[in-house]
Amino acid sequence: MLSKKIIGYYRILKEKRVDDLLISAGILGVIVGLLTIPIINQIAVWPVLIGVCMKLYDFTEEIERSIIPYDFNKLLPPPKKRN
Protein backbone atom coordinates (compact mmCIF):
# COMPACT_ATOMS: atom_id res chain seq x y z
CA MET A 1 0.00 0.00 0.00
CA LEU A 2 2.70 2.45 1.03
CA SER A 3 4.97 1.42 -1.83
CA LYS A 4 2.18 2.06 -4.36
CA LYS A 5 1.71 5.58 -2.97
CA ILE A 6 5.44 6.25 -3.13
CA ILE A 7 5.61 5.01 -6.73
CA GLY A 8 2.59 7.16 -7.61
CA TYR A 9 4.17 10.28 -6.13
CA TYR A 10 7.44 9.45 -7.85
CA ARG A 11 5.72 9.26 -11.25
CA ILE A 12 4.08 12.64 -10.66
CA LEU A 13 7.47 14.12 -9.80
CA LYS A 14 9.00 12.66 -12.96
CA GLU A 15 6.24 14.08 -15.15
CA LYS A 16 6.91 17.56 -13.82
CA ARG A 17 10.71 17.17 -14.19
CA VAL A 18 11.29 18.00 -10.52
CA ASP A 19 14.70 16.30 -10.51
CA ASP A 20 16.11 18.82 -13.01
CA LEU A 21 14.66 21.69 -11.00
CA LEU A 22 16.14 20.32 -7.77
CA ILE A 23 19.58 19.98 -9.31
CA SER A 24 19.45 23.46 -10.84
CA ALA A 25 18.25 25.11 -7.63
CA GLY A 26 20.82 23.20 -5.60
CA ILE A 27 23.70 24.22 -7.85
CA LEU A 28 22.57 27.83 -7.71
CA GLY A 29 22.40 27.58 -3.91
CA VAL A 30 25.88 26.08 -3.74
CA ILE A 31 27.28 28.91 -5.86
CA VAL A 32 25.57 31.52 -3.68
CA GLY A 33 26.84 29.69 -0.58
CA LEU A 34 30.40 29.74 -1.88
CA LEU A 35 30.22 33.47 -2.48
CA THR A 36 28.41 34.51 0.71
CA ILE A 37 27.42 32.42 3.74
CA PRO A 38 28.85 28.87 4.00
CA ILE A 39 25.75 27.45 5.76
CA ILE A 40 23.74 28.09 2.58
CA ASN A 41 26.22 25.89 0.76
CA GLN A 42 25.60 23.02 3.19
CA ILE A 43 21.82 23.36 2.97
CA ALA A 44 21.69 23.73 -0.81
CA VAL A 45 23.57 20.49 -1.39
CA TRP A 46 20.55 18.39 -0.34
CA PRO A 47 18.37 19.21 -3.37
CA VAL A 48 21.29 18.28 -5.61
CA LEU A 49 21.66 14.93 -3.85
CA ILE A 50 17.93 14.20 -4.05
CA GLY A 51 17.82 15.13 -7.75
CA VAL A 52 20.84 12.95 -8.54
CA CYS A 53 19.28 10.02 -6.64
CA MET A 54 16.10 10.40 -8.71
CA LYS A 55 18.13 10.37 -11.92
CA LEU A 56 20.07 7.28 -10.81
CA TYR A 57 16.82 5.48 -9.97
CA ASP A 58 15.51 6.28 -13.46
CA PHE A 59 18.74 4.98 -14.97
CA THR A 60 18.49 1.67 -13.11
CA GLU A 61 14.82 1.29 -14.07
CA GLU A 62 15.72 1.85 -17.73
CA ILE A 63 18.46 -0.76 -17.54
CA GLU A 64 16.12 -3.28 -15.92
CA ARG A 65 13.52 -2.72 -18.65
CA SER A 66 16.07 -3.13 -21.43
CA ILE A 67 17.53 -6.42 -20.14
CA ILE A 68 16.60 -9.22 -22.49
CA PRO A 69 15.87 -12.47 -20.69
CA TYR A 70 18.36 -15.11 -21.71
CA ASP A 71 16.99 -18.44 -22.88
CA PHE A 72 19.35 -21.28 -21.96
CA ASN A 73 17.25 -23.77 -23.94
CA LYS A 74 18.47 -22.19 -27.17
CA LEU A 75 22.07 -22.44 -26.04
CA LEU A 76 22.11 -26.14 -25.18
CA PRO A 77 21.29 -28.89 -27.68
CA PRO A 78 18.24 -31.01 -26.95
CA PRO A 79 18.88 -34.18 -24.99
CA LYS A 80 19.25 -37.42 -26.91
CA LYS A 81 16.18 -39.61 -27.00
CA ARG A 82 16.51 -43.13 -25.70
CA ASN A 83 14.66 -45.91 -27.48
PDB file of N, CA and C in Angstrom:
ATOM      1  N   MET A   1       0.820  -1.189   0.000  1.00  0.00           N
ATOM      2  CA  MET A   1       0.000   0.000   0.000  1.00  0.00           C
ATOM      3  C   MET A   1       0.870   1.260   0.000  1.00  0.00           C
ATOM      4  N   LEU A   2       1.823   1.288   0.939  1.00  0.00           N
ATOM      5  CA  LEU A   2       2.699   2.452   1.032  1.00  0.00           C
ATOM      6  C   LEU A   2       3.612   2.544  -0.191  1.00  0.00           C
ATOM      7  N   SER A   3       4.087   1.403  -0.666  1.00  0.00           N
ATOM      8  CA  SER A   3       4.974   1.423  -1.832  1.00  0.00           C
ATOM      9  C   SER A   3       4.235   1.916  -3.076  1.00  0.00           C
ATOM     10  N   LYS A   4       2.951   1.580  -3.212  1.00  0.00           N
ATOM     11  CA  LYS A   4       2.177   2.059  -4.362  1.00  0.00           C
ATOM     12  C   LYS A   4       2.009   3.573  -4.311  1.00  0.00           C
ATOM     13  N   LYS A   5       1.829   4.118  -3.109  1.00  0.00           N
ATOM     14  CA  LYS A   5       1.712   5.576  -2.969  1.00  0.00           C
ATOM     15  C   LYS A   5       3.035   6.252  -3.324  1.00  0.00           C
ATOM     16  N   ILE A   6       4.126   5.668  -2.839  1.00  0.00           N
ATOM     17  CA  ILE A   6       5.441   6.251  -3.129  1.00  0.00           C
ATOM     18  C   ILE A   6       5.712   6.222  -4.628  1.00  0.00           C
ATOM     19  N   ILE A   7       5.409   5.108  -5.284  1.00  0.00           N
ATOM     20  CA  ILE A   7       5.612   5.006  -6.728  1.00  0.00           C
ATOM     21  C   ILE A   7       4.725   5.994  -7.467  1.00  0.00           C
ATOM     22  N   GLY A   8       3.492   6.178  -6.987  1.00  0.00           N
ATOM     23  CA  GLY A   8       2.586   7.155  -7.609  1.00  0.00           C
ATOM     24  C   GLY A   8       3.119   8.570  -7.500  1.00  0.00           C
ATOM     25  N   TYR A   9       3.592   8.935  -6.313  1.00  0.00           N
ATOM     26  CA  TYR A   9       4.169  10.281  -6.132  1.00  0.00           C
ATOM     27  C   TYR A   9       5.426  10.450  -6.971  1.00  0.00           C
ATOM     28  N   TYR A  10       6.217   9.387  -7.061  1.00  0.00           N
ATOM     29  CA  TYR A  10       7.441   9.453  -7.853  1.00  0.00           C
ATOM     30  C   TYR A  10       7.119   9.704  -9.319  1.00  0.00           C
ATOM     31  N   ARG A  11       6.096   9.042  -9.844  1.00  0.00           N
ATOM     32  CA  ARG A  11       5.719   9.256 -11.251  1.00  0.00           C
ATOM     33  C   ARG A  11       5.240  10.683 -11.481  1.00  0.00           C
ATOM     34  N   ILE A  12       4.516  11.238 -10.543  1.00  0.00           N
ATOM     35  CA  ILE A  12       4.077  12.636 -10.665  1.00  0.00           C
ATOM     36  C   ILE A  12       5.283  13.564 -10.689  1.00  0.00           C
ATOM     37  N   LEU A  13       6.255  13.301  -9.820  1.00  0.00           N
ATOM     38  CA  LEU A  13       7.466  14.123  -9.796  1.00  0.00           C
ATOM     39  C   LEU A  13       8.230  14.023 -11.106  1.00  0.00           C
ATOM     40  N   LYS A  14       8.284  12.830 -11.698  1.00  0.00           N
ATOM     41  CA  LYS A  14       8.998  12.665 -12.955  1.00  0.00           C
ATOM     42  C   LYS A  14       8.295  13.374 -14.107  1.00  0.00           C
ATOM     43  N   GLU A  15       6.971  13.391 -14.097  1.00  0.00           N
ATOM     44  CA  GLU A  15       6.237  14.081 -15.153  1.00  0.00           C
ATOM     45  C   GLU A  15       6.515  15.574 -15.132  1.00  0.00           C
ATOM     46  N   LYS A  16       6.690  16.119 -13.961  1.00  0.00           N
ATOM     47  CA  LYS A  16       6.906  17.559 -13.824  1.00  0.00           C
ATOM     48  C   LYS A  16       8.386  17.934 -13.863  1.00  0.00           C
ATOM     49  N   ARG A  17       9.263  16.941 -14.071  1.00  0.00           N
ATOM     50  CA  ARG A  17      10.711  17.171 -14.186  1.00  0.00           C
ATOM     51  C   ARG A  17      11.282  17.857 -12.946  1.00  0.00           C
ATOM     52  N   VAL A  18      10.857  17.408 -11.775  1.00  0.00           N
ATOM     53  CA  VAL A  18      11.294  17.998 -10.522  1.00  0.00           C
ATOM     54  C   VAL A  18      12.776  17.733 -10.280  1.00  0.00           C
ATOM     55  N   ASP A  19      13.295  16.605 -10.754  1.00  0.00           N
ATOM     56  CA  ASP A  19      14.702  16.297 -10.512  1.00  0.00           C
ATOM     57  C   ASP A  19      15.624  17.329 -11.153  1.00  0.00           C
ATOM     58  N   ASP A  20      15.298  17.776 -12.360  1.00  0.00           N
ATOM     59  CA  ASP A  20      16.109  18.819 -13.006  1.00  0.00           C
ATOM     60  C   ASP A  20      16.022  20.136 -12.245  1.00  0.00           C
ATOM     61  N   LEU A  21      14.822  20.462 -11.767  1.00  0.00           N
ATOM     62  CA  LEU A  21      14.660  21.687 -10.995  1.00  0.00           C
ATOM     63  C   LEU A  21      15.422  21.625  -9.680  1.00  0.00           C
ATOM     64  N   LEU A  22      15.399  20.475  -9.016  1.00  0.00           N
ATOM     65  CA  LEU A  22      16.144  20.324  -7.766  1.00  0.00           C
ATOM     66  C   LEU A  22      17.641  20.493  -7.983  1.00  0.00           C
ATOM     67  N   ILE A  23      18.144  19.871  -9.031  1.00  0.00           N
ATOM     68  CA  ILE A  23      19.581  19.977  -9.311  1.00  0.00           C
ATOM     69  C   ILE A  23      19.956  21.414  -9.645  1.00  0.00           C
ATOM     70  N   SER A  24      19.152  22.077 -10.475  1.00  0.00           N
ATOM     71  CA  SER A  24      19.452  23.464 -10.845  1.00  0.00           C
ATOM     72  C   SER A  24      19.405  24.390  -9.636  1.00  0.00           C
ATOM     73  N   ALA A  25      18.369  24.256  -8.819  1.00  0.00           N
ATOM     74  CA  ALA A  25      18.248  25.110  -7.632  1.00  0.00           C
ATOM     75  C   ALA A  25      19.370  24.823  -6.647  1.00  0.00           C
ATOM     76  N   GLY A  26      19.740  23.555  -6.508  1.00  0.00           N
ATOM     77  CA  GLY A  26      20.820  23.200  -5.598  1.00  0.00           C
ATOM     78  C   GLY A  26      22.161  23.756  -6.050  1.00  0.00           C
ATOM     79  N   ILE A  27      22.431  23.676  -7.328  1.00  0.00           N
ATOM     80  CA  ILE A  27      23.697  24.216  -7.845  1.00  0.00           C
ATOM     81  C   ILE A  27      23.745  25.722  -7.671  1.00  0.00           C
ATOM     82  N   LEU A  28      22.627  26.386  -7.934  1.00  0.00           N
ATOM     83  CA  LEU A  28      22.572  27.832  -7.711  1.00  0.00           C
ATOM     84  C   LEU A  28      22.799  28.156  -6.238  1.00  0.00           C
ATOM     85  N   GLY A  29      22.206  27.368  -5.347  1.00  0.00           N
ATOM     86  CA  GLY A  29      22.403  27.577  -3.912  1.00  0.00           C
ATOM     87  C   GLY A  29      23.841  27.344  -3.483  1.00  0.00           C
ATOM     88  N   VAL A  30      24.477  26.352  -4.072  1.00  0.00           N
ATOM     89  CA  VAL A  30      25.875  26.080  -3.739  1.00  0.00           C
ATOM     90  C   VAL A  30      26.758  27.238  -4.187  1.00  0.00           C
ATOM     91  N   ILE A  31      26.494  27.767  -5.374  1.00  0.00           N
ATOM     92  CA  ILE A  31      27.283  28.908  -5.859  1.00  0.00           C
ATOM     93  C   ILE A  31      27.086  30.122  -4.962  1.00  0.00           C
ATOM     94  N   VAL A  32      25.842  30.393  -4.590  1.00  0.00           N
ATOM     95  CA  VAL A  32      25.570  31.515  -3.678  1.00  0.00           C
ATOM     96  C   VAL A  32      26.237  31.269  -2.331  1.00  0.00           C
ATOM     97  N   GLY A  33      26.204  30.017  -1.853  1.00  0.00           N
ATOM     98  CA  GLY A  33      26.845  29.694  -0.582  1.00  0.00           C
ATOM     99  C   GLY A  33      28.352  29.845  -0.623  1.00  0.00           C
ATOM    100  N   LEU A  34      28.949  29.551  -1.761  1.00  0.00           N
ATOM    101  CA  LEU A  34      30.396  29.736  -1.884  1.00  0.00           C
ATOM    102  C   LEU A  34      30.783  31.207  -1.856  1.00  0.00           C
ATOM    103  N   LEU A  35      29.903  32.036  -2.400  1.00  0.00           N
ATOM    104  CA  LEU A  35      30.219  33.466  -2.477  1.00  0.00           C
ATOM    105  C   LEU A  35      29.847  34.228  -1.208  1.00  0.00           C
ATOM    106  N   THR A  36      28.866  33.748  -0.461  1.00  0.00           N
ATOM    107  CA  THR A  36      28.407  34.510   0.714  1.00  0.00           C
ATOM    108  C   THR A  36      28.545  33.696   1.996  1.00  0.00           C
ATOM    109  N   ILE A  37      27.465  33.107   2.448  1.00  0.00           N
ATOM    110  CA  ILE A  37      27.424  32.424   3.743  1.00  0.00           C
ATOM    111  C   ILE A  37      27.615  30.916   3.534  1.00  0.00           C
ATOM    112  N   PRO A  38      28.577  30.301   4.220  1.00  0.00           N
ATOM    113  CA  PRO A  38      28.852  28.870   4.001  1.00  0.00           C
ATOM    114  C   PRO A  38      27.698  27.938   4.403  1.00  0.00           C
ATOM    115  N   ILE A  39      26.849  28.333   5.341  1.00  0.00           N
ATOM    116  CA  ILE A  39      25.753  27.451   5.759  1.00  0.00           C
ATOM    117  C   ILE A  39      24.756  27.248   4.616  1.00  0.00           C
ATOM    118  N   ILE A  40      24.622  28.236   3.747  1.00  0.00           N
ATOM    119  CA  ILE A  40      23.736  28.088   2.583  1.00  0.00           C
ATOM    120  C   ILE A  40      24.271  26.996   1.673  1.00  0.00           C
ATOM    121  N   ASN A  41      25.574  26.917   1.565  1.00  0.00           N
ATOM    122  CA  ASN A  41      26.217  25.888   0.758  1.00  0.00           C
ATOM    123  C   ASN A  41      25.862  24.499   1.281  1.00  0.00           C
ATOM    124  N   GLN A  42      25.886  24.318   2.593  1.00  0.00           N
ATOM    125  CA  GLN A  42      25.597  23.017   3.190  1.00  0.00           C
ATOM    126  C   GLN A  42      24.129  22.647   3.055  1.00  0.00           C
ATOM    127  N   ILE A  43      23.258  23.623   3.106  1.00  0.00           N
ATOM    128  CA  ILE A  43      21.824  23.357   2.975  1.00  0.00           C
ATOM    129  C   ILE A  43      21.451  23.096   1.516  1.00  0.00           C
ATOM    130  N   ALA A  44      22.052  23.830   0.606  1.00  0.00           N
ATOM    131  CA  ALA A  44      21.686  23.735  -0.812  1.00  0.00           C
ATOM    132  C   ALA A  44      22.188  22.458  -1.468  1.00  0.00           C
ATOM    133  N   VAL A  45      23.071  21.733  -0.809  1.00  0.00           N
ATOM    134  CA  VAL A  45      23.575  20.490  -1.385  1.00  0.00           C
ATOM    135  C   VAL A  45      22.496  19.401  -1.363  1.00  0.00           C
ATOM    136  N   TRP A  46      21.564  19.437  -0.445  1.00  0.00           N
ATOM    137  CA  TRP A  46      20.548  18.390  -0.336  1.00  0.00           C
ATOM    138  C   TRP A  46      19.652  18.279  -1.560  1.00  0.00           C
ATOM    139  N   PRO A  47      19.154  19.382  -2.132  1.00  0.00           N
ATOM    140  CA  PRO A  47      18.371  19.212  -3.365  1.00  0.00           C
ATOM    141  C   PRO A  47      19.172  18.588  -4.504  1.00  0.00           C
ATOM    142  N   VAL A  48      20.453  18.891  -4.572  1.00  0.00           N
ATOM    143  CA  VAL A  48      21.294  18.282  -5.607  1.00  0.00           C
ATOM    144  C   VAL A  48      21.366  16.773  -5.385  1.00  0.00           C
ATOM    145  N   LEU A  49      21.575  16.356  -4.143  1.00  0.00           N
ATOM    146  CA  LEU A  49      21.659  14.926  -3.848  1.00  0.00           C
ATOM    147  C   LEU A  49      20.340  14.213  -4.144  1.00  0.00           C
ATOM    148  N   ILE A  50      19.224  14.817  -3.793  1.00  0.00           N
ATOM    149  CA  ILE A  50      17.925  14.203  -4.049  1.00  0.00           C
ATOM    150  C   ILE A  50      17.673  14.101  -5.550  1.00  0.00           C
ATOM    151  N   GLY A  51      17.997  15.160  -6.294  1.00  0.00           N
ATOM    152  CA  GLY A  51      17.823  15.135  -7.749  1.00  0.00           C
ATOM    153  C   GLY A  51      18.694  14.087  -8.417  1.00  0.00           C
ATOM    154  N   VAL A  52      19.933  13.958  -7.961  1.00  0.00           N
ATOM    155  CA  VAL A  52      20.836  12.953  -8.537  1.00  0.00           C
ATOM    156  C   VAL A  52      20.338  11.549  -8.207  1.00  0.00           C
ATOM    157  N   CYS A  53      19.823  11.345  -6.994  1.00  0.00           N
ATOM    158  CA  CYS A  53      19.281  10.023  -6.639  1.00  0.00           C
ATOM    159  C   CYS A  53      18.086   9.672  -7.521  1.00  0.00           C
ATOM    160  N   MET A  54      17.244  10.646  -7.823  1.00  0.00           N
ATOM    161  CA  MET A  54      16.100  10.400  -8.706  1.00  0.00           C
ATOM    162  C   MET A  54      16.573  10.017 -10.106  1.00  0.00           C
ATOM    163  N   LYS A  55      17.598  10.696 -10.592  1.00  0.00           N
ATOM    164  CA  LYS A  55      18.132  10.374 -11.917  1.00  0.00           C
ATOM    165  C   LYS A  55      18.754   8.970 -11.937  1.00  0.00           C
ATOM    166  N   LEU A  56      19.472   8.610 -10.880  1.00  0.00           N
ATOM    167  CA  LEU A  56      20.069   7.278 -10.814  1.00  0.00           C
ATOM    168  C   LEU A  56      19.002   6.191 -10.754  1.00  0.00           C
ATOM    169  N   TYR A  57      17.912   6.448 -10.039  1.00  0.00           N
ATOM    170  CA  TYR A  57      16.822   5.481  -9.974  1.00  0.00           C
ATOM    171  C   TYR A  57      16.206   5.284 -11.360  1.00  0.00           C
ATOM    172  N   ASP A  58      16.023   6.385 -12.095  1.00  0.00           N
ATOM    173  CA  ASP A  58      15.508   6.275 -13.460  1.00  0.00           C
ATOM    174  C   ASP A  58      16.453   5.462 -14.335  1.00  0.00           C
ATOM    175  N   PHE A  59      17.743   5.693 -14.177  1.00  0.00           N
ATOM    176  CA  PHE A  59      18.738   4.979 -14.965  1.00  0.00           C
ATOM    177  C   PHE A  59      18.667   3.485 -14.689  1.00  0.00           C
ATOM    178  N   THR A  60      18.556   3.091 -13.428  1.00  0.00           N
ATOM    179  CA  THR A  60      18.489   1.668 -13.108  1.00  0.00           C
ATOM    180  C   THR A  60      17.183   1.050 -13.601  1.00  0.00           C
ATOM    181  N   GLU A  61      16.082   1.801 -13.540  1.00  0.00           N
ATOM    182  CA  GLU A  61      14.821   1.285 -14.071  1.00  0.00           C
ATOM    183  C   GLU A  61      14.920   1.057 -15.578  1.00  0.00           C
ATOM    184  N   GLU A  62      15.560   1.979 -16.273  1.00  0.00           N
ATOM    185  CA  GLU A  62      15.721   1.852 -17.725  1.00  0.00           C
ATOM    186  C   GLU A  62      16.569   0.635 -18.071  1.00  0.00           C
ATOM    187  N   ILE A  63      17.613   0.404 -17.298  1.00  0.00           N
ATOM    188  CA  ILE A  63      18.465  -0.763 -17.543  1.00  0.00           C
ATOM    189  C   ILE A  63      17.682  -2.047 -17.291  1.00  0.00           C
ATOM    190  N   GLU A  64      16.887  -2.073 -16.224  1.00  0.00           N
ATOM    191  CA  GLU A  64      16.116  -3.279 -15.924  1.00  0.00           C
ATOM    192  C   GLU A  64      15.086  -3.562 -17.016  1.00  0.00           C
ATOM    193  N   ARG A  65      14.503  -2.519 -17.584  1.00  0.00           N
ATOM    194  CA  ARG A  65      13.524  -2.719 -18.650  1.00  0.00           C
ATOM    195  C   ARG A  65      14.179  -3.194 -19.939  1.00  0.00           C
ATOM    196  N   SER A  66      15.428  -2.795 -20.174  1.00  0.00           N
ATOM    197  CA  SER A  66      16.074  -3.132 -21.433  1.00  0.00           C
ATOM    198  C   SER A  66      16.810  -4.469 -21.387  1.00  0.00           C
ATOM    199  N   ILE A  67      16.868  -5.118 -20.231  1.00  0.00           N
ATOM    200  CA  ILE A  67      17.531  -6.421 -20.140  1.00  0.00           C
ATOM    201  C   ILE A  67      16.670  -7.453 -20.856  1.00  0.00           C
ATOM    202  N   ILE A  68      17.297  -8.178 -21.752  1.00  0.00           N
ATOM    203  CA  ILE A  68      16.597  -9.221 -22.491  1.00  0.00           C
ATOM    204  C   ILE A  68      16.783 -10.526 -21.730  1.00  0.00           C
ATOM    205  N   PRO A  69      15.701 -11.190 -21.403  1.00  0.00           N
ATOM    206  CA  PRO A  69      15.868 -12.468 -20.692  1.00  0.00           C
ATOM    207  C   PRO A  69      16.609 -13.480 -21.567  1.00  0.00           C
ATOM    208  N   TYR A  70      17.522 -14.159 -20.978  1.00  0.00           N
ATOM    209  CA  TYR A  70      18.355 -15.105 -21.711  1.00  0.00           C
ATOM    210  C   TYR A  70      17.712 -16.485 -21.656  1.00  0.00           C
ATOM    211  N   ASP A  71      17.615 -17.120 -22.794  1.00  0.00           N
ATOM    212  CA  ASP A  71      16.993 -18.438 -22.876  1.00  0.00           C
ATOM    213  C   ASP A  71      18.096 -19.490 -23.003  1.00  0.00           C
ATOM    214  N   PHE A  72      18.313 -20.250 -21.936  1.00  0.00           N
ATOM    215  CA  PHE A  72      19.348 -21.278 -21.959  1.00  0.00           C
ATOM    216  C   PHE A  72      18.955 -22.470 -22.817  1.00  0.00           C
ATOM    217  N   ASN A  73      17.678 -22.648 -23.101  1.00  0.00           N
ATOM    218  CA  ASN A  73      17.253 -23.767 -23.938  1.00  0.00           C
ATOM    219  C   ASN A  73      17.761 -23.629 -25.368  1.00  0.00           C
ATOM    220  N   LYS A  74      17.938 -22.397 -25.823  1.00  0.00           N
ATOM    221  CA  LYS A  74      18.467 -22.192 -27.175  1.00  0.00           C
ATOM    222  C   LYS A  74      19.973 -22.425 -27.214  1.00  0.00           C
ATOM    223  N   LEU A  75      20.631 -22.280 -26.097  1.00  0.00           N
ATOM    224  CA  LEU A  75      22.073 -22.444 -26.037  1.00  0.00           C
ATOM    225  C   LEU A  75      22.475 -23.916 -26.051  1.00  0.00           C
ATOM    226  N   LEU A  76      21.759 -24.732 -25.299  1.00  0.00           N
ATOM    227  CA  LEU A  76      22.110 -26.143 -25.181  1.00  0.00           C
ATOM    228  C   LEU A  76      21.365 -26.967 -26.224  1.00  0.00           C
ATOM    229  N   PRO A  77      21.989 -28.005 -26.737  1.00  0.00           N
ATOM    230  CA  PRO A  77      21.291 -28.889 -27.685  1.00  0.00           C
ATOM    231  C   PRO A  77      20.247 -29.709 -26.924  1.00  0.00           C
ATOM    232  N   PRO A  78      19.226 -30.187 -27.627  1.00  0.00           N
ATOM    233  CA  PRO A  78      18.235 -31.007 -26.949  1.00  0.00           C
ATOM    234  C   PRO A  78      18.826 -32.341 -26.511  1.00  0.00           C
ATOM    235  N   PRO A  79      18.316 -32.903 -25.446  1.00  0.00           N
ATOM    236  CA  PRO A  79      18.880 -34.185 -24.989  1.00  0.00           C
ATOM    237  C   PRO A  79      18.568 -35.307 -25.986  1.00  0.00           C
ATOM    238  N   LYS A  80      19.443 -36.293 -25.999  1.00  0.00           N
ATOM    239  CA  LYS A  80      19.252 -37.421 -26.913  1.00  0.00           C
ATOM    240  C   LYS A  80      18.102 -38.282 -26.411  1.00  0.00           C
ATOM    241  N   LYS A  81      17.302 -38.749 -27.361  1.00  0.00           N
ATOM    242  CA  LYS A  81      16.176 -39.607 -27.001  1.00  0.00           C
ATOM    243  C   LYS A  81      16.650 -41.051 -26.881  1.00  0.00           C
ATOM    244  N   ARG A  82      16.165 -41.724 -25.878  1.00  0.00           N
ATOM    245  CA  ARG A  82      16.511 -43.129 -25.702  1.00  0.00           C
ATOM    246  C   ARG A  82      15.365 -43.977 -26.211  1.00  0.00           C
ATOM    247  N   ASN A  83      15.681 -45.005 -26.937  1.00  0.00           N
ATOM    248  CA  ASN A  83      14.656 -45.912 -27.478  1.00  0.00           C
ATOM    249  C   ASN A  83      14.358 -47.054 -26.540  1.00  0.00           C
TER     250      ASN A  83
END
